[in-house]
Amino acid sequence: MPKLGMEPIRRDAIIKATIAELGAQKSLDVTVSQIAKRAGMSSALAHHYFGGKDQIFLAAMRRILSDFSIEVRTELGKAKPDDRAQAIVRASFAPSCFTPDVIAAWMTFYVLAQTNADALRLWQVYQARIRSNLISALRPLTSTPVETAETMIALIDGLYIRAALSAPEEPQLAVSHALRVLTTLLETEK
């Protein structure tokens, strides 16, 4: 007989284990068995809750994107109107969003999105949201908010790739670099 109330706890444990295992393996070669073992349960239980490996990866990315959304809302809540773009950049490299495990999960997600329609849709939702938020934040500051937003999105993705391929930097180094580029882009308008 299943224990009542255990499903959310077990789902959370599987999601956390997936992110940790992706961080340890740094590839899509992670198995449901490895994830389940890290979560302290059987692979059959992991399959029961999520269906398969791709669904587990997608649930992990939804969690990462949810954490990112919380960071963005928190930073935007503290920002002055002219500092909203900087707030989005800071949120992109918040400690909860820029750990070695999360960076590895993002890299795995990019690979999965090339072959999995659900992952691609999730990536497109993320891209649309960050693009929309940045354009809105940049509109009062520049005559080219779309182009500036696209540049910043590419820079954020590039800093993630760089962190994945070398030892992950301190988040503050990535924030400083991205903010310098943003300042330079905005100053060219003056």
N, C-alpha and C. Protein backbone atom coordinates (compact mmCIF):
# COMPACT_ATOMS: atom_id res chain seq x y z
N MET A 1 0.85 -1.18 0.00
CA MET A 1 0.00 0.00 0.00
C MET A 1 0.90 1.24 0.00
N PRO A 2 0.67 2.17 -0.93
CA PRO A 2 1.50 3.37 -0.98
C PRO A 2 1.27 4.27 0.24
N LYS A 3 2.33 4.93 0.64
CA LYS A 3 2.22 5.86 1.76
C LYS A 3 1.60 7.15 1.25
N LEU A 4 0.54 7.58 1.92
CA LEU A 4 -0.14 8.80 1.50
C LEU A 4 0.76 10.01 1.73
N GLY A 5 0.76 10.91 0.78
CA GLY A 5 1.54 12.13 0.91
C GLY A 5 2.99 12.01 0.50
N MET A 6 3.42 10.83 0.08
CA MET A 6 4.83 10.63 -0.27
C MET A 6 5.14 11.05 -1.71
N GLU A 7 4.15 11.10 -2.57
CA GLU A 7 4.43 11.40 -3.97
C GLU A 7 5.17 12.72 -4.16
N PRO A 8 4.72 13.85 -3.57
CA PRO A 8 5.46 15.10 -3.78
C PRO A 8 6.89 15.04 -3.23
N ILE A 9 7.07 14.35 -2.14
CA ILE A 9 8.41 14.22 -1.54
C ILE A 9 9.31 13.40 -2.45
N ARG A 10 8.78 12.30 -2.97
CA ARG A 10 9.58 11.45 -3.86
C ARG A 10 9.86 12.14 -5.20
N ARG A 11 8.87 12.83 -5.74
CA ARG A 11 9.09 13.57 -7.00
C ARG A 11 10.21 14.60 -6.81
N ASP A 12 10.14 15.32 -5.69
CA ASP A 12 11.16 16.32 -5.40
C ASP A 12 12.53 15.67 -5.27
N ALA A 13 12.60 14.52 -4.61
CA ALA A 13 13.88 13.81 -4.44
C ALA A 13 14.42 13.36 -5.80
N ILE A 14 13.55 12.91 -6.68
CA ILE A 14 13.99 12.47 -8.02
C ILE A 14 14.50 13.66 -8.82
N ILE A 15 13.80 14.78 -8.75
CA ILE A 15 14.23 15.98 -9.48
C ILE A 15 15.59 16.45 -8.98
N LYS A 16 15.75 16.53 -7.67
CA LYS A 16 17.05 16.96 -7.10
C LYS A 16 18.15 15.97 -7.48
N ALA A 17 17.84 14.69 -7.44
CA ALA A 17 18.82 13.66 -7.80
C ALA A 17 19.19 13.76 -9.28
N THR A 18 18.23 14.09 -10.12
CA THR A 18 18.50 14.24 -11.56
C THR A 18 19.49 15.37 -11.79
N ILE A 19 19.25 16.50 -11.16
CA ILE A 19 20.15 17.65 -11.32
C ILE A 19 21.54 17.30 -10.81
N ALA A 20 21.61 16.65 -9.66
CA ALA A 20 22.91 16.26 -9.10
C ALA A 20 23.62 15.24 -9.98
N GLU A 21 22.89 14.29 -10.52
CA GLU A 21 23.49 13.25 -11.37
C GLU A 21 23.96 13.85 -12.70
N LEU A 22 23.19 14.77 -13.25
CA LEU A 22 23.63 15.45 -14.47
C LEU A 22 24.91 16.24 -14.20
N GLY A 23 24.98 16.84 -13.02
CA GLY A 23 26.19 17.56 -12.64
C GLY A 23 27.38 16.64 -12.50
N ALA A 24 27.15 15.45 -11.97
CA ALA A 24 28.24 14.49 -11.79
C ALA A 24 28.68 13.88 -13.11
N GLN A 25 27.72 13.53 -13.98
CA GLN A 25 28.03 12.83 -15.23
C GLN A 25 28.32 13.78 -16.38
N LYS A 26 27.69 14.97 -16.35
CA LYS A 26 27.84 15.98 -17.40
C LYS A 26 27.50 15.43 -18.80
N SER A 27 26.45 14.62 -18.87
CA SER A 27 26.02 14.10 -20.16
C SER A 27 24.60 13.54 -20.04
N LEU A 28 24.01 13.25 -21.19
CA LEU A 28 22.70 12.62 -21.23
C LEU A 28 22.76 11.11 -20.96
N ASP A 29 23.97 10.60 -20.75
CA ASP A 29 24.14 9.17 -20.51
C ASP A 29 23.72 8.74 -19.11
N VAL A 30 23.11 9.63 -18.37
CA VAL A 30 22.61 9.31 -17.04
C VAL A 30 21.42 8.37 -17.20
N THR A 31 21.37 7.35 -16.37
CA THR A 31 20.26 6.39 -16.45
C THR A 31 19.25 6.67 -15.33
N VAL A 32 18.04 6.20 -15.54
CA VAL A 32 17.01 6.32 -14.51
C VAL A 32 17.47 5.58 -13.25
N SER A 33 18.16 4.48 -13.44
CA SER A 33 18.66 3.71 -12.30
C SER A 33 19.64 4.54 -11.46
N GLN A 34 20.53 5.28 -12.12
CA GLN A 34 21.48 6.13 -11.40
C GLN A 34 20.75 7.24 -10.65
N ILE A 35 19.77 7.83 -11.31
CA ILE A 35 18.99 8.90 -10.67
C ILE A 35 18.25 8.35 -9.46
N ALA A 36 17.57 7.21 -9.65
CA ALA A 36 16.80 6.61 -8.56
C ALA A 36 17.69 6.22 -7.39
N LYS A 37 18.86 5.67 -7.69
CA LYS A 37 19.79 5.30 -6.62
C LYS A 37 20.20 6.53 -5.82
N ARG A 38 20.51 7.61 -6.52
CA ARG A 38 20.90 8.85 -5.83
C ARG A 38 19.74 9.37 -4.98
N ALA A 39 18.49 9.16 -5.46
CA ALA A 39 17.31 9.62 -4.73
C ALA A 39 16.91 8.67 -3.61
N GLY A 40 17.56 7.51 -3.57
CA GLY A 40 17.26 6.55 -2.51
C GLY A 40 15.99 5.75 -2.74
N MET A 41 15.71 5.46 -4.01
CA MET A 41 14.52 4.66 -4.31
C MET A 41 14.79 3.78 -5.52
N SER A 42 13.82 2.97 -5.88
CA SER A 42 14.00 2.06 -7.01
C SER A 42 13.74 2.79 -8.33
N SER A 43 14.33 2.27 -9.40
CA SER A 43 14.08 2.88 -10.71
C SER A 43 12.62 2.68 -11.12
N ALA A 44 11.99 1.61 -10.66
CA ALA A 44 10.58 1.40 -10.97
C ALA A 44 9.72 2.53 -10.40
N LEU A 45 10.07 2.99 -9.21
CA LEU A 45 9.32 4.09 -8.60
C LEU A 45 9.54 5.39 -9.38
N ALA A 46 10.77 5.62 -9.82
CA ALA A 46 11.05 6.81 -10.63
C ALA A 46 10.25 6.76 -11.93
N HIS A 47 10.21 5.60 -12.58
CA HIS A 47 9.41 5.43 -13.79
C HIS A 47 7.93 5.65 -13.51
N HIS A 48 7.48 5.15 -12.36
CA HIS A 48 6.08 5.30 -11.97
C HIS A 48 5.68 6.77 -11.89
N TYR A 49 6.54 7.59 -11.28
CA TYR A 49 6.21 8.99 -11.08
C TYR A 49 6.37 9.84 -12.34
N PHE A 50 7.29 9.50 -13.22
CA PHE A 50 7.59 10.37 -14.35
C PHE A 50 7.40 9.71 -15.72
N GLY A 51 7.44 8.42 -15.81
CA GLY A 51 7.29 7.73 -17.09
C GLY A 51 8.60 7.27 -17.67
N GLY A 52 9.52 8.17 -17.91
CA GLY A 52 10.80 7.79 -18.51
C GLY A 52 11.86 8.85 -18.28
N LYS A 53 13.03 8.59 -18.80
CA LYS A 53 14.18 9.46 -18.58
C LYS A 53 13.94 10.87 -19.11
N ASP A 54 13.42 11.00 -20.31
CA ASP A 54 13.18 12.33 -20.86
C ASP A 54 12.22 13.13 -19.99
N GLN A 55 11.17 12.48 -19.50
CA GLN A 55 10.22 13.18 -18.64
C GLN A 55 10.86 13.61 -17.32
N ILE A 56 11.79 12.80 -16.82
CA ILE A 56 12.50 13.17 -15.60
C ILE A 56 13.40 14.37 -15.87
N PHE A 57 14.11 14.36 -17.00
CA PHE A 57 14.95 15.51 -17.36
C PHE A 57 14.11 16.77 -17.51
N LEU A 58 12.96 16.65 -18.17
CA LEU A 58 12.09 17.82 -18.36
C LEU A 58 11.57 18.35 -17.03
N ALA A 59 11.24 17.46 -16.11
CA ALA A 59 10.79 17.90 -14.78
C ALA A 59 11.91 18.63 -14.06
N ALA A 60 13.14 18.15 -14.21
CA ALA A 60 14.28 18.83 -13.59
C ALA A 60 14.47 20.22 -14.20
N MET A 61 14.32 20.34 -15.52
CA MET A 61 14.47 21.65 -16.15
C MET A 61 13.33 22.58 -15.77
N ARG A 62 12.14 22.05 -15.62
CA ARG A 62 11.03 22.89 -15.17
C ARG A 62 11.33 23.44 -13.78
N ARG A 63 11.93 22.63 -12.94
CA ARG A 63 12.31 23.10 -11.60
C ARG A 63 13.37 24.20 -11.70
N ILE A 64 14.38 23.98 -12.54
CA ILE A 64 15.43 24.99 -12.71
C ILE A 64 14.83 26.28 -13.26
N LEU A 65 13.93 26.18 -14.21
CA LEU A 65 13.29 27.37 -14.77
C LEU A 65 12.37 28.04 -13.75
N SER A 66 11.74 27.26 -12.91
CA SER A 66 10.91 27.82 -11.84
C SER A 66 11.79 28.58 -10.84
N ASP A 67 12.94 27.99 -10.48
CA ASP A 67 13.87 28.69 -9.58
C ASP A 67 14.36 29.98 -10.22
N PHE A 68 14.65 29.94 -11.52
CA PHE A 68 15.08 31.13 -12.24
C PHE A 68 13.98 32.19 -12.22
N SER A 69 12.74 31.79 -12.43
CA SER A 69 11.62 32.71 -12.42
C SER A 69 11.49 33.40 -11.07
N ILE A 70 11.69 32.66 -10.01
CA ILE A 70 11.64 33.24 -8.66
C ILE A 70 12.76 34.27 -8.50
N GLU A 71 13.94 33.94 -8.98
CA GLU A 71 15.08 34.87 -8.90
C GLU A 71 14.78 36.15 -9.69
N VAL A 72 14.20 36.01 -10.89
CA VAL A 72 13.88 37.17 -11.71
C VAL A 72 12.86 38.05 -11.00
N ARG A 73 11.79 37.45 -10.50
CA ARG A 73 10.76 38.23 -9.80
C ARG A 73 11.32 38.94 -8.57
N THR A 74 12.19 38.25 -7.84
CA THR A 74 12.80 38.86 -6.66
C THR A 74 13.66 40.06 -7.05
N GLU A 75 14.53 39.87 -8.04
CA GLU A 75 15.41 40.96 -8.49
C GLU A 75 14.60 42.12 -9.07
N LEU A 76 13.59 41.82 -9.87
CA LEU A 76 12.77 42.88 -10.45
C LEU A 76 12.01 43.64 -9.37
N GLY A 77 11.60 42.94 -8.34
CA GLY A 77 10.89 43.58 -7.22
C GLY A 77 11.75 44.59 -6.48
N LYS A 78 13.06 44.38 -6.48
CA LYS A 78 13.99 45.30 -5.80
C LYS A 78 14.52 46.40 -6.72
N ALA A 79 14.32 46.25 -8.03
CA ALA A 79 14.96 47.15 -8.99
C ALA A 79 14.17 48.43 -9.22
N LYS A 80 14.91 49.50 -9.45
CA LYS A 80 14.31 50.76 -9.90
C LYS A 80 13.94 50.57 -11.37
N PRO A 81 13.02 51.37 -11.90
CA PRO A 81 12.59 51.17 -13.29
C PRO A 81 13.74 51.13 -14.31
N ASP A 82 14.75 51.97 -14.15
CA ASP A 82 15.86 51.98 -15.11
C ASP A 82 16.86 50.85 -14.88
N ASP A 83 16.70 50.08 -13.82
CA ASP A 83 17.64 49.01 -13.50
C ASP A 83 17.05 47.62 -13.73
N ARG A 84 15.93 47.52 -14.42
CA ARG A 84 15.27 46.23 -14.60
C ARG A 84 16.08 45.27 -15.47
N ALA A 85 16.75 45.77 -16.49
CA ALA A 85 17.58 44.88 -17.33
C ALA A 85 18.74 44.32 -16.52
N GLN A 86 19.35 45.16 -15.69
CA GLN A 86 20.44 44.68 -14.83
C GLN A 86 19.92 43.63 -13.84
N ALA A 87 18.70 43.81 -13.38
CA ALA A 87 18.11 42.85 -12.44
C ALA A 87 17.95 41.48 -13.11
N ILE A 88 17.54 41.46 -14.37
CA ILE A 88 17.38 40.20 -15.09
C ILE A 88 18.74 39.52 -15.28
N VAL A 89 19.76 40.31 -15.58
CA VAL A 89 21.12 39.75 -15.71
C VAL A 89 21.57 39.16 -14.38
N ARG A 90 21.37 39.90 -13.30
CA ARG A 90 21.78 39.38 -11.98
C ARG A 90 21.04 38.08 -11.65
N ALA A 91 19.75 38.03 -11.97
CA ALA A 91 18.97 36.82 -11.71
C ALA A 91 19.48 35.63 -12.51
N SER A 92 19.96 35.89 -13.72
CA SER A 92 20.47 34.81 -14.58
C SER A 92 21.66 34.10 -13.97
N PHE A 93 22.39 34.80 -13.12
CA PHE A 93 23.59 34.22 -12.52
C PHE A 93 23.48 34.14 -10.99
N ALA A 94 22.25 34.14 -10.51
CA ALA A 94 22.03 33.99 -9.06
C ALA A 94 22.60 32.65 -8.61
N PRO A 95 23.05 32.57 -7.38
CA PRO A 95 23.64 31.31 -6.90
C PRO A 95 22.77 30.08 -7.14
N SER A 96 21.46 30.20 -7.03
CA SER A 96 20.61 29.02 -7.27
C SER A 96 20.57 28.63 -8.74
N CYS A 97 20.93 29.55 -9.63
CA CYS A 97 20.85 29.31 -11.08
C CYS A 97 22.22 29.03 -11.70
N PHE A 98 23.29 29.16 -10.95
CA PHE A 98 24.62 29.11 -11.54
C PHE A 98 25.55 28.20 -10.73
N THR A 99 25.03 27.04 -10.33
CA THR A 99 25.87 26.05 -9.65
C THR A 99 26.39 25.08 -10.71
N PRO A 100 27.47 24.35 -10.44
CA PRO A 100 27.96 23.38 -11.43
C PRO A 100 26.89 22.38 -11.87
N ASP A 101 26.06 21.91 -10.95
CA ASP A 101 25.01 20.95 -11.32
C ASP A 101 23.97 21.57 -12.24
N VAL A 102 23.56 22.79 -11.94
CA VAL A 102 22.55 23.47 -12.76
C VAL A 102 23.13 23.80 -14.14
N ILE A 103 24.38 24.23 -14.17
CA ILE A 103 25.03 24.51 -15.46
C ILE A 103 25.08 23.25 -16.32
N ALA A 104 25.45 22.13 -15.72
CA ALA A 104 25.49 20.86 -16.45
C ALA A 104 24.09 20.47 -16.93
N ALA A 105 23.08 20.72 -16.11
CA ALA A 105 21.70 20.41 -16.51
C ALA A 105 21.30 21.26 -17.71
N TRP A 106 21.68 22.54 -17.72
CA TRP A 106 21.37 23.40 -18.87
C TRP A 106 22.03 22.86 -20.13
N MET A 107 23.28 22.46 -20.04
CA MET A 107 23.97 21.95 -21.23
C MET A 107 23.29 20.69 -21.76
N THR A 108 22.88 19.83 -20.86
CA THR A 108 22.18 18.60 -21.23
C THR A 108 20.83 18.94 -21.86
N PHE A 109 20.18 19.95 -21.30
CA PHE A 109 18.89 20.39 -21.81
C PHE A 109 19.02 20.91 -23.25
N TYR A 110 20.06 21.69 -23.54
CA TYR A 110 20.28 22.18 -24.90
C TYR A 110 20.42 21.01 -25.87
N VAL A 111 21.13 19.97 -25.47
CA VAL A 111 21.31 18.80 -26.33
C VAL A 111 19.97 18.09 -26.52
N LEU A 112 19.24 17.90 -25.44
CA LEU A 112 17.95 17.21 -25.51
C LEU A 112 16.96 17.98 -26.40
N ALA A 113 17.00 19.30 -26.34
CA ALA A 113 16.06 20.11 -27.12
C ALA A 113 16.27 19.96 -28.63
N GLN A 114 17.41 19.45 -29.05
CA GLN A 114 17.65 19.23 -30.47
C GLN A 114 16.88 18.03 -31.01
N THR A 115 16.51 17.10 -30.13
CA THR A 115 15.87 15.88 -30.59
C THR A 115 14.52 15.59 -29.94
N ASN A 116 14.15 16.36 -28.92
CA ASN A 116 12.93 16.10 -28.18
C ASN A 116 12.00 17.30 -28.30
N ALA A 117 10.82 17.09 -28.88
CA ALA A 117 9.88 18.19 -29.14
C ALA A 117 9.43 18.88 -27.85
N ASP A 118 9.22 18.11 -26.78
CA ASP A 118 8.80 18.71 -25.51
C ASP A 118 9.91 19.59 -24.93
N ALA A 119 11.14 19.14 -25.02
CA ALA A 119 12.27 19.93 -24.53
C ALA A 119 12.42 21.19 -25.37
N LEU A 120 12.24 21.07 -26.67
CA LEU A 120 12.34 22.24 -27.54
C LEU A 120 11.26 23.27 -27.19
N ARG A 121 10.04 22.81 -26.95
CA ARG A 121 8.96 23.73 -26.56
C ARG A 121 9.29 24.42 -25.24
N LEU A 122 9.83 23.68 -24.28
CA LEU A 122 10.20 24.27 -22.99
C LEU A 122 11.30 25.32 -23.18
N TRP A 123 12.28 25.02 -24.03
CA TRP A 123 13.35 25.98 -24.32
C TRP A 123 12.76 27.23 -24.99
N GLN A 124 11.82 27.04 -25.90
CA GLN A 124 11.20 28.17 -26.59
C GLN A 124 10.42 29.05 -25.62
N VAL A 125 9.75 28.45 -24.65
CA VAL A 125 9.04 29.22 -23.63
C VAL A 125 10.04 30.04 -22.81
N TYR A 126 11.13 29.41 -22.39
CA TYR A 126 12.17 30.13 -21.65
C TYR A 126 12.70 31.30 -22.48
N GLN A 127 13.04 31.05 -23.75
CA GLN A 127 13.59 32.09 -24.61
C GLN A 127 12.59 33.24 -24.78
N ALA A 128 11.33 32.91 -24.99
CA ALA A 128 10.32 33.95 -25.18
C ALA A 128 10.17 34.81 -23.93
N ARG A 129 10.21 34.17 -22.76
CA ARG A 129 10.05 34.93 -21.51
C ARG A 129 11.23 35.85 -21.25
N ILE A 130 12.45 35.33 -21.37
CA ILE A 130 13.60 36.18 -21.09
C ILE A 130 13.69 37.30 -22.13
N ARG A 131 13.38 36.98 -23.37
CA ARG A 131 13.40 37.99 -24.44
C ARG A 131 12.37 39.08 -24.14
N SER A 132 11.16 38.69 -23.81
CA SER A 132 10.09 39.64 -23.51
C SER A 132 10.45 40.51 -22.30
N ASN A 133 10.96 39.88 -21.25
CA ASN A 133 11.34 40.64 -20.05
C ASN A 133 12.45 41.64 -20.35
N LEU A 134 13.46 41.20 -21.10
CA LEU A 134 14.55 42.11 -21.42
C LEU A 134 14.10 43.24 -22.34
N ILE A 135 13.31 42.94 -23.35
CA ILE A 135 12.83 43.99 -24.24
C ILE A 135 12.03 45.02 -23.46
N SER A 136 11.16 44.56 -22.59
CA SER A 136 10.37 45.47 -21.77
C SER A 136 11.26 46.34 -20.89
N ALA A 137 12.27 45.74 -20.30
CA ALA A 137 13.19 46.49 -19.42
C ALA A 137 14.06 47.46 -20.20
N LEU A 138 14.40 47.11 -21.44
CA LEU A 138 15.30 47.94 -22.25
C LEU A 138 14.57 49.02 -23.05
N ARG A 139 13.30 48.87 -23.27
CA ARG A 139 12.55 49.81 -24.12
C ARG A 139 12.74 51.27 -23.69
N PRO A 140 12.70 51.61 -22.40
CA PRO A 140 12.90 53.02 -22.03
C PRO A 140 14.36 53.49 -22.12
N LEU A 141 15.29 52.55 -22.30
CA LEU A 141 16.70 52.88 -22.23
C LEU A 141 17.41 52.95 -23.57
N THR A 142 16.81 52.39 -24.61
CA THR A 142 17.51 52.31 -25.89
C THR A 142 16.51 52.34 -27.04
N SER A 143 16.97 52.79 -28.18
CA SER A 143 16.11 52.79 -29.37
C SER A 143 16.13 51.43 -30.06
N THR A 144 17.00 50.53 -29.58
CA THR A 144 17.12 49.19 -30.16
C THR A 144 16.93 48.11 -29.08
N PRO A 145 15.76 48.09 -28.42
CA PRO A 145 15.59 47.13 -27.32
C PRO A 145 15.64 45.67 -27.77
N VAL A 146 15.14 45.37 -28.96
CA VAL A 146 15.13 43.99 -29.44
C VAL A 146 16.55 43.50 -29.70
N GLU A 147 17.33 44.30 -30.41
CA GLU A 147 18.71 43.91 -30.71
C GLU A 147 19.55 43.80 -29.44
N THR A 148 19.37 44.73 -28.51
CA THR A 148 20.12 44.70 -27.25
C THR A 148 19.73 43.48 -26.42
N ALA A 149 18.43 43.16 -26.41
CA ALA A 149 17.97 41.98 -25.68
C ALA A 149 18.56 40.71 -26.29
N GLU A 150 18.56 40.62 -27.61
CA GLU A 150 19.13 39.44 -28.29
C GLU A 150 20.61 39.29 -27.97
N THR A 151 21.33 40.40 -27.94
CA THR A 151 22.76 40.36 -27.60
C THR A 151 22.95 39.85 -26.17
N MET A 152 22.14 40.35 -25.26
CA MET A 152 22.28 39.94 -23.85
C MET A 152 21.91 38.47 -23.65
N ILE A 153 20.90 38.00 -24.36
CA ILE A 153 20.53 36.58 -24.26
C ILE A 153 21.68 35.71 -24.77
N ALA A 154 22.26 36.10 -25.89
CA ALA A 154 23.40 35.34 -26.42
C ALA A 154 24.57 35.36 -25.45
N LEU A 155 24.81 36.51 -24.83
CA LEU A 155 25.90 36.61 -23.86
C LEU A 155 25.65 35.72 -22.64
N ILE A 156 24.42 35.73 -22.14
CA ILE A 156 24.08 34.89 -20.99
C ILE A 156 24.29 33.42 -21.33
N ASP A 157 23.78 32.99 -22.50
CA ASP A 157 23.99 31.60 -22.93
C ASP A 157 25.48 31.30 -23.08
N GLY A 158 26.22 32.24 -23.65
CA GLY A 158 27.66 32.05 -23.84
C GLY A 158 28.41 31.92 -22.53
N LEU A 159 28.03 32.70 -21.54
CA LEU A 159 28.68 32.60 -20.23
C LEU A 159 28.38 31.26 -19.56
N TYR A 160 27.18 30.73 -19.81
CA TYR A 160 26.85 29.39 -19.30
C TYR A 160 27.71 28.33 -19.98
N ILE A 161 27.83 28.42 -21.30
CA ILE A 161 28.65 27.44 -22.03
C ILE A 161 30.10 27.51 -21.56
N ARG A 162 30.60 28.71 -21.42
CA ARG A 162 31.98 28.89 -20.94
C ARG A 162 32.17 28.27 -19.56
N ALA A 163 31.20 28.47 -18.68
CA ALA A 163 31.28 27.89 -17.34
C ALA A 163 31.22 26.37 -17.40
N ALA A 164 30.44 25.83 -18.33
CA ALA A 164 30.31 24.38 -18.44
C ALA A 164 31.60 23.75 -18.95
N LEU A 165 32.30 24.45 -19.83
CA LEU A 165 33.49 23.88 -20.44
C LEU A 165 34.76 24.11 -19.64
N SER A 166 34.71 25.01 -18.70
CA SER A 166 35.84 25.22 -17.79
C SER A 166 35.29 25.11 -16.38
N ALA A 167 36.10 25.34 -15.43
CA ALA A 167 35.59 25.33 -14.06
C ALA A 167 34.60 26.48 -13.93
N PRO A 168 33.41 26.22 -13.40
CA PRO A 168 32.43 27.29 -13.28
C PRO A 168 32.99 28.47 -12.48
N GLU A 169 32.80 29.65 -13.06
CA GLU A 169 33.28 30.86 -12.41
C GLU A 169 32.39 31.17 -11.21
N GLU A 170 32.88 32.09 -10.41
CA GLU A 170 32.01 32.65 -9.39
C GLU A 170 30.87 33.35 -10.11
N PRO A 171 29.66 33.22 -9.65
CA PRO A 171 28.56 33.90 -10.32
C PRO A 171 28.80 35.41 -10.47
N GLN A 172 29.45 36.02 -9.49
CA GLN A 172 29.66 37.46 -9.55
C GLN A 172 30.55 37.86 -10.72
N LEU A 173 31.49 37.00 -11.12
CA LEU A 173 32.33 37.32 -12.28
C LEU A 173 31.48 37.36 -13.56
N ALA A 174 30.58 36.40 -13.70
CA ALA A 174 29.70 36.38 -14.87
C ALA A 174 28.77 37.59 -14.86
N VAL A 175 28.22 37.93 -13.69
CA VAL A 175 27.35 39.10 -13.58
C VAL A 175 28.11 40.36 -13.98
N SER A 176 29.33 40.52 -13.44
CA SER A 176 30.13 41.71 -13.74
C SER A 176 30.41 41.83 -15.24
N HIS A 177 30.76 40.72 -15.85
CA HIS A 177 31.04 40.73 -17.29
C HIS A 177 29.78 41.13 -18.08
N ALA A 178 28.67 40.50 -17.78
CA ALA A 178 27.43 40.78 -18.50
C ALA A 178 26.97 42.22 -18.28
N LEU A 179 27.10 42.73 -17.06
CA LEU A 179 26.69 44.10 -16.80
C LEU A 179 27.58 45.12 -17.51
N ARG A 180 28.89 44.80 -17.62
CA ARG A 180 29.79 45.69 -18.38
C ARG A 180 29.36 45.75 -19.85
N VAL A 181 29.03 44.61 -20.42
CA VAL A 181 28.58 44.59 -21.82
C VAL A 181 27.27 45.36 -21.97
N LEU A 182 26.34 45.16 -21.06
CA LEU A 182 25.07 45.88 -21.11
C LEU A 182 25.30 47.39 -21.02
N THR A 183 26.15 47.81 -20.10
CA THR A 183 26.47 49.24 -19.96
C THR A 183 27.06 49.79 -21.25
N THR A 184 27.97 49.03 -21.85
CA THR A 184 28.59 49.46 -23.10
C THR A 184 27.55 49.60 -24.21
N LEU A 185 26.64 48.64 -24.31
CA LEU A 185 25.59 48.71 -25.33
C LEU A 185 24.70 49.92 -25.13
N LEU A 186 24.38 50.21 -23.88
CA LEU A 186 23.49 51.33 -23.60
C LEU A 186 24.20 52.67 -23.79
N GLU A 187 25.49 52.70 -23.51
CA GLU A 187 26.25 53.95 -23.67
C GLU A 187 26.46 54.31 -25.12
N THR A 188 26.46 53.34 -26.01
CA THR A 188 26.64 53.66 -27.43
C THR A 188 25.44 54.43 -27.98
N GLU A 189 24.32 54.40 -27.27
CA GLU A 189 23.11 55.12 -27.68
C GLU A 189 23.23 56.61 -27.35
N LYS A 190 24.05 56.95 -26.38
CA LYS A 190 24.11 58.34 -25.90
C LYS A 190 24.90 59.23 -26.82
